[in-house]
Amino acid sequence: MRLNEVVYSDAVPIDGYGAGFFRVGGEVTQGAILTGAGGTSRWGGYEDREALLALVGQVDVLFVGTGAEIAHIPADLRAALEGAGIGVEVMNSPAACRTYNVLLSEGRRIALAALPV
């Protein structure tokens, strides 16, 4: 078996998550997060669309973690993001974190907005 070290470029992977928090690059953030090449910050949830629209031109795909269960995001939020040229992939937060880490290791232009489990 051949092992390769995973190297992340500009962004930091999700180290862990739990009830009400995410750990990104060793730093714990309580509540919802927005993370990508620009760093990690708290996210105000679906109403905080300005933070997501600020990603225009920086990311190709935004993963949205909906908490412990998969759920639809508001249709107007999806329309605004897709209209601005950002692809949107919605899944539960654990799956979104895993997918984000895999694509981040491939050097993709992605971001993650996630609600805690």
N, C-alpha and C. Protein backbone atom coordinates (compact mmCIF):
# COMPACT_ATOMS: atom_id res chain seq x y z
N MET A 1 0.83 -1.16 0.00
CA MET A 1 0.00 0.00 0.00
C MET A 1 0.89 1.24 0.00
N ARG A 2 0.49 2.22 -0.79
CA ARG A 2 1.25 3.46 -0.87
C ARG A 2 0.45 4.55 -0.17
N LEU A 3 1.09 5.27 0.75
CA LEU A 3 0.44 6.36 1.47
C LEU A 3 0.98 7.68 0.97
N ASN A 4 0.10 8.62 0.76
CA ASN A 4 0.48 9.96 0.34
C ASN A 4 0.03 10.96 1.39
N GLU A 5 0.90 11.90 1.71
CA GLU A 5 0.52 12.96 2.63
C GLU A 5 -0.45 13.90 1.94
N VAL A 6 -1.52 14.25 2.62
CA VAL A 6 -2.49 15.20 2.08
C VAL A 6 -2.02 16.60 2.40
N VAL A 7 -1.92 17.43 1.37
CA VAL A 7 -1.50 18.81 1.55
C VAL A 7 -2.66 19.71 1.16
N TYR A 8 -3.05 20.58 2.09
CA TYR A 8 -4.12 21.53 1.82
C TYR A 8 -3.48 22.85 1.45
N SER A 9 -4.01 23.50 0.44
CA SER A 9 -3.42 24.75 -0.03
C SER A 9 -3.83 25.94 0.83
N ASP A 10 -4.79 26.69 0.41
CA ASP A 10 -5.15 27.93 1.09
C ASP A 10 -6.11 27.75 2.27
N ALA A 11 -6.90 26.72 2.26
CA ALA A 11 -7.91 26.53 3.29
C ALA A 11 -7.49 25.43 4.27
N VAL A 12 -8.22 25.35 5.36
CA VAL A 12 -7.92 24.40 6.42
C VAL A 12 -9.05 23.39 6.50
N PRO A 13 -8.74 22.10 6.67
CA PRO A 13 -9.79 21.09 6.73
C PRO A 13 -10.56 21.12 8.05
N ILE A 14 -11.71 20.48 8.04
CA ILE A 14 -12.51 20.30 9.24
C ILE A 14 -11.87 19.15 10.04
N ASP A 15 -11.47 19.44 11.27
CA ASP A 15 -10.86 18.41 12.13
C ASP A 15 -11.91 17.59 12.85
N GLY A 16 -13.04 18.21 13.16
CA GLY A 16 -14.07 17.51 13.91
C GLY A 16 -15.29 18.38 14.11
N TYR A 17 -16.33 17.76 14.63
CA TYR A 17 -17.57 18.48 14.92
C TYR A 17 -18.31 17.70 16.00
N GLY A 18 -19.23 18.36 16.64
CA GLY A 18 -20.02 17.72 17.68
C GLY A 18 -21.24 18.56 17.96
N ALA A 19 -21.88 18.27 19.05
CA ALA A 19 -23.11 18.98 19.41
C ALA A 19 -22.83 20.48 19.58
N GLY A 20 -23.18 21.25 18.57
CA GLY A 20 -23.07 22.70 18.65
C GLY A 20 -21.75 23.32 18.28
N PHE A 21 -20.77 22.54 17.77
CA PHE A 21 -19.47 23.13 17.45
C PHE A 21 -18.82 22.44 16.24
N PHE A 22 -17.83 23.14 15.69
CA PHE A 22 -16.94 22.61 14.65
C PHE A 22 -15.51 22.91 15.08
N ARG A 23 -14.58 22.02 14.74
CA ARG A 23 -13.16 22.26 14.98
C ARG A 23 -12.48 22.31 13.62
N VAL A 24 -11.92 23.48 13.31
CA VAL A 24 -11.28 23.71 12.02
C VAL A 24 -9.84 24.15 12.28
N GLY A 25 -8.90 23.36 11.79
CA GLY A 25 -7.49 23.69 12.00
C GLY A 25 -7.12 23.78 13.48
N GLY A 26 -7.77 22.96 14.30
CA GLY A 26 -7.49 22.95 15.73
C GLY A 26 -8.25 23.99 16.54
N GLU A 27 -8.94 24.90 15.89
CA GLU A 27 -9.70 25.96 16.57
C GLU A 27 -11.17 25.59 16.62
N VAL A 28 -11.77 25.67 17.80
CA VAL A 28 -13.18 25.34 17.97
C VAL A 28 -14.03 26.59 17.76
N THR A 29 -15.08 26.45 16.97
CA THR A 29 -16.05 27.52 16.75
C THR A 29 -17.41 26.99 17.15
N GLN A 30 -18.08 27.69 18.05
CA GLN A 30 -19.42 27.32 18.47
C GLN A 30 -20.42 27.82 17.44
N GLY A 31 -21.43 27.01 17.15
CA GLY A 31 -22.48 27.42 16.22
C GLY A 31 -22.12 27.14 14.78
N ALA A 32 -22.87 27.78 13.90
CA ALA A 32 -22.70 27.58 12.45
C ALA A 32 -21.41 28.24 11.98
N ILE A 33 -20.80 27.65 10.94
CA ILE A 33 -19.53 28.18 10.41
C ILE A 33 -19.61 28.38 8.91
N LEU A 34 -18.71 29.24 8.44
CA LEU A 34 -18.43 29.42 7.03
C LEU A 34 -16.92 29.33 6.90
N THR A 35 -16.45 28.38 6.09
CA THR A 35 -15.00 28.20 5.97
C THR A 35 -14.62 27.95 4.52
N GLY A 36 -13.42 28.37 4.19
CA GLY A 36 -12.89 28.21 2.85
C GLY A 36 -11.52 28.86 2.79
N ALA A 37 -11.09 29.23 1.60
CA ALA A 37 -9.75 29.81 1.42
C ALA A 37 -9.60 31.13 2.17
N GLY A 38 -10.69 31.84 2.39
CA GLY A 38 -10.63 33.12 3.09
C GLY A 38 -10.58 33.00 4.60
N GLY A 39 -10.61 31.78 5.13
CA GLY A 39 -10.58 31.58 6.57
C GLY A 39 -11.90 31.03 7.08
N THR A 40 -12.01 30.94 8.39
CA THR A 40 -13.20 30.40 9.03
C THR A 40 -13.83 31.47 9.91
N SER A 41 -15.15 31.57 9.83
CA SER A 41 -15.87 32.53 10.67
C SER A 41 -17.22 31.95 11.05
N ARG A 42 -17.85 32.58 12.02
CA ARG A 42 -19.21 32.20 12.36
C ARG A 42 -20.12 32.59 11.21
N TRP A 43 -21.17 31.81 11.04
CA TRP A 43 -22.13 32.07 9.96
C TRP A 43 -23.50 32.24 10.60
N GLY A 44 -24.25 33.19 10.14
CA GLY A 44 -25.56 33.49 10.71
C GLY A 44 -26.70 32.63 10.21
N GLY A 45 -26.40 31.55 9.52
CA GLY A 45 -27.45 30.68 9.01
C GLY A 45 -28.02 31.16 7.69
N TYR A 46 -29.15 30.61 7.32
CA TYR A 46 -29.73 30.87 6.00
C TYR A 46 -30.03 32.35 5.75
N GLU A 47 -30.27 33.12 6.81
CA GLU A 47 -30.56 34.55 6.64
C GLU A 47 -29.30 35.35 6.31
N ASP A 48 -28.13 34.77 6.56
CA ASP A 48 -26.86 35.46 6.34
C ASP A 48 -26.37 35.21 4.92
N ARG A 49 -27.16 35.62 3.95
CA ARG A 49 -26.82 35.36 2.55
C ARG A 49 -25.68 36.24 2.05
N GLU A 50 -25.49 37.42 2.65
CA GLU A 50 -24.41 38.32 2.21
C GLU A 50 -23.04 37.67 2.36
N ALA A 51 -22.85 36.94 3.45
CA ALA A 51 -21.57 36.24 3.66
C ALA A 51 -21.34 35.20 2.56
N LEU A 52 -22.41 34.54 2.14
CA LEU A 52 -22.29 33.53 1.09
C LEU A 52 -22.08 34.17 -0.28
N LEU A 53 -22.80 35.25 -0.55
CA LEU A 53 -22.65 35.93 -1.84
C LEU A 53 -21.29 36.61 -1.97
N ALA A 54 -20.62 36.87 -0.85
CA ALA A 54 -19.27 37.44 -0.89
C ALA A 54 -18.27 36.44 -1.47
N LEU A 55 -18.66 35.18 -1.61
CA LEU A 55 -17.79 34.15 -2.16
C LEU A 55 -17.76 34.14 -3.69
N VAL A 56 -18.59 34.97 -4.33
CA VAL A 56 -18.64 35.01 -5.79
C VAL A 56 -17.25 35.30 -6.35
N GLY A 57 -16.83 34.49 -7.30
CA GLY A 57 -15.52 34.63 -7.92
C GLY A 57 -14.40 33.92 -7.17
N GLN A 58 -14.68 33.51 -5.93
CA GLN A 58 -13.67 32.83 -5.12
C GLN A 58 -13.86 31.31 -5.09
N VAL A 59 -15.11 30.86 -5.22
CA VAL A 59 -15.40 29.43 -5.16
C VAL A 59 -16.29 29.02 -6.32
N ASP A 60 -16.18 27.76 -6.68
CA ASP A 60 -17.05 27.20 -7.70
C ASP A 60 -18.26 26.50 -7.09
N VAL A 61 -18.03 25.89 -5.91
CA VAL A 61 -19.10 25.13 -5.24
C VAL A 61 -19.11 25.47 -3.76
N LEU A 62 -20.31 25.66 -3.25
CA LEU A 62 -20.52 25.86 -1.82
C LEU A 62 -21.27 24.65 -1.29
N PHE A 63 -20.69 23.99 -0.30
CA PHE A 63 -21.37 22.89 0.39
C PHE A 63 -22.14 23.49 1.55
N VAL A 64 -23.39 23.13 1.65
CA VAL A 64 -24.22 23.62 2.75
C VAL A 64 -24.59 22.42 3.62
N GLY A 65 -24.12 22.44 4.86
CA GLY A 65 -24.45 21.41 5.83
C GLY A 65 -25.68 21.84 6.60
N THR A 66 -26.72 21.02 6.58
CA THR A 66 -28.01 21.40 7.16
C THR A 66 -28.21 20.87 8.58
N GLY A 67 -27.15 20.50 9.26
CA GLY A 67 -27.27 19.97 10.61
C GLY A 67 -27.23 18.45 10.60
N ALA A 68 -27.88 17.84 11.57
CA ALA A 68 -27.85 16.38 11.71
C ALA A 68 -28.60 15.66 10.59
N GLU A 69 -29.61 16.30 10.06
CA GLU A 69 -30.43 15.69 8.99
C GLU A 69 -30.36 16.55 7.74
N ILE A 70 -30.51 15.91 6.60
CA ILE A 70 -30.55 16.66 5.35
C ILE A 70 -31.90 17.38 5.26
N ALA A 71 -31.86 18.60 4.76
CA ALA A 71 -33.06 19.41 4.61
C ALA A 71 -32.87 20.33 3.41
N HIS A 72 -33.95 20.84 2.90
CA HIS A 72 -33.87 21.81 1.81
C HIS A 72 -33.45 23.17 2.38
N ILE A 73 -32.66 23.90 1.62
CA ILE A 73 -32.38 25.28 2.00
C ILE A 73 -33.46 26.14 1.35
N PRO A 74 -33.66 27.37 1.83
CA PRO A 74 -34.68 28.23 1.22
C PRO A 74 -34.44 28.38 -0.29
N ALA A 75 -35.51 28.27 -1.05
CA ALA A 75 -35.42 28.32 -2.52
C ALA A 75 -34.83 29.63 -3.00
N ASP A 76 -35.16 30.74 -2.35
CA ASP A 76 -34.62 32.03 -2.78
C ASP A 76 -33.12 32.14 -2.51
N LEU A 77 -32.64 31.48 -1.46
CA LEU A 77 -31.19 31.46 -1.19
C LEU A 77 -30.47 30.66 -2.26
N ARG A 78 -30.99 29.49 -2.59
CA ARG A 78 -30.39 28.67 -3.65
C ARG A 78 -30.38 29.44 -4.97
N ALA A 79 -31.49 30.09 -5.30
CA ALA A 79 -31.58 30.84 -6.56
C ALA A 79 -30.58 31.99 -6.60
N ALA A 80 -30.41 32.68 -5.47
CA ALA A 80 -29.47 33.79 -5.43
C ALA A 80 -28.03 33.31 -5.63
N LEU A 81 -27.67 32.21 -4.97
CA LEU A 81 -26.32 31.67 -5.10
C LEU A 81 -26.06 31.16 -6.51
N GLU A 82 -26.98 30.37 -7.03
CA GLU A 82 -26.79 29.83 -8.37
C GLU A 82 -26.83 30.94 -9.42
N GLY A 83 -27.66 31.95 -9.22
CA GLY A 83 -27.70 33.09 -10.13
C GLY A 83 -26.41 33.88 -10.14
N ALA A 84 -25.68 33.84 -9.02
CA ALA A 84 -24.39 34.53 -8.91
C ALA A 84 -23.24 33.66 -9.41
N GLY A 85 -23.54 32.43 -9.83
CA GLY A 85 -22.51 31.56 -10.39
C GLY A 85 -21.87 30.61 -9.40
N ILE A 86 -22.47 30.42 -8.24
CA ILE A 86 -21.94 29.49 -7.25
C ILE A 86 -22.79 28.23 -7.27
N GLY A 87 -22.16 27.09 -7.49
CA GLY A 87 -22.87 25.83 -7.41
C GLY A 87 -23.16 25.52 -5.95
N VAL A 88 -24.31 24.93 -5.68
CA VAL A 88 -24.74 24.65 -4.31
C VAL A 88 -25.00 23.16 -4.16
N GLU A 89 -24.36 22.56 -3.17
CA GLU A 89 -24.58 21.14 -2.84
C GLU A 89 -25.03 21.08 -1.39
N VAL A 90 -26.23 20.56 -1.18
CA VAL A 90 -26.82 20.50 0.15
C VAL A 90 -26.78 19.07 0.66
N MET A 91 -26.33 18.89 1.91
CA MET A 91 -26.30 17.58 2.55
C MET A 91 -26.26 17.79 4.06
N ASN A 92 -26.38 16.72 4.83
CA ASN A 92 -26.28 16.92 6.28
C ASN A 92 -24.85 17.37 6.60
N SER A 93 -24.66 17.97 7.76
CA SER A 93 -23.36 18.56 8.08
C SER A 93 -22.22 17.55 8.16
N PRO A 94 -22.42 16.34 8.74
CA PRO A 94 -21.31 15.38 8.72
C PRO A 94 -20.85 15.03 7.30
N ALA A 95 -21.78 14.79 6.40
CA ALA A 95 -21.42 14.47 5.01
C ALA A 95 -20.78 15.67 4.33
N ALA A 96 -21.28 16.86 4.62
CA ALA A 96 -20.72 18.08 4.01
C ALA A 96 -19.27 18.28 4.46
N CYS A 97 -18.99 18.02 5.74
CA CYS A 97 -17.61 18.15 6.24
C CYS A 97 -16.67 17.16 5.56
N ARG A 98 -17.11 15.92 5.44
CA ARG A 98 -16.27 14.90 4.79
C ARG A 98 -16.02 15.25 3.32
N THR A 99 -17.07 15.63 2.62
CA THR A 99 -16.94 15.96 1.20
C THR A 99 -16.04 17.18 1.02
N TYR A 100 -16.22 18.18 1.86
CA TYR A 100 -15.39 19.38 1.82
C TYR A 100 -13.91 19.01 1.97
N ASN A 101 -13.59 18.17 2.95
CA ASN A 101 -12.20 17.79 3.18
C ASN A 101 -11.60 17.05 1.98
N VAL A 102 -12.37 16.15 1.38
CA VAL A 102 -11.85 15.40 0.23
C VAL A 102 -11.57 16.33 -0.94
N LEU A 103 -12.53 17.19 -1.28
CA LEU A 103 -12.33 18.08 -2.43
C LEU A 103 -11.30 19.16 -2.13
N LEU A 104 -11.19 19.56 -0.87
CA LEU A 104 -10.16 20.52 -0.49
C LEU A 104 -8.78 19.94 -0.73
N SER A 105 -8.61 18.65 -0.42
CA SER A 105 -7.31 18.00 -0.62
C SER A 105 -6.95 17.89 -2.09
N GLU A 106 -7.96 17.99 -2.96
CA GLU A 106 -7.72 17.96 -4.41
C GLU A 106 -7.46 19.35 -4.98
N GLY A 107 -7.48 20.36 -4.12
CA GLY A 107 -7.20 21.72 -4.57
C GLY A 107 -8.37 22.41 -5.22
N ARG A 108 -9.58 21.96 -4.97
CA ARG A 108 -10.77 22.57 -5.58
C ARG A 108 -11.10 23.91 -4.93
N ARG A 109 -11.79 24.75 -5.69
CA ARG A 109 -12.23 26.06 -5.20
C ARG A 109 -13.61 25.89 -4.55
N ILE A 110 -13.60 25.60 -3.26
CA ILE A 110 -14.84 25.28 -2.56
C ILE A 110 -14.91 26.02 -1.24
N ALA A 111 -16.11 26.04 -0.67
CA ALA A 111 -16.33 26.58 0.67
C ALA A 111 -17.41 25.74 1.33
N LEU A 112 -17.50 25.86 2.64
CA LEU A 112 -18.48 25.12 3.42
C LEU A 112 -19.21 26.07 4.35
N ALA A 113 -20.53 26.05 4.29
CA ALA A 113 -21.38 26.75 5.25
C ALA A 113 -22.16 25.65 5.94
N ALA A 114 -22.01 25.54 7.27
CA ALA A 114 -22.62 24.41 7.95
C ALA A 114 -23.27 24.79 9.27
N LEU A 115 -24.45 24.22 9.48
CA LEU A 115 -25.15 24.32 10.74
C LEU A 115 -24.66 23.19 11.63
N PRO A 116 -24.55 23.39 12.94
CA PRO A 116 -24.05 22.33 13.81
C PRO A 116 -25.05 21.19 13.94
N VAL A 117 -24.52 20.03 14.33
CA VAL A 117 -25.38 18.85 14.56
C VAL A 117 -25.95 18.93 15.96
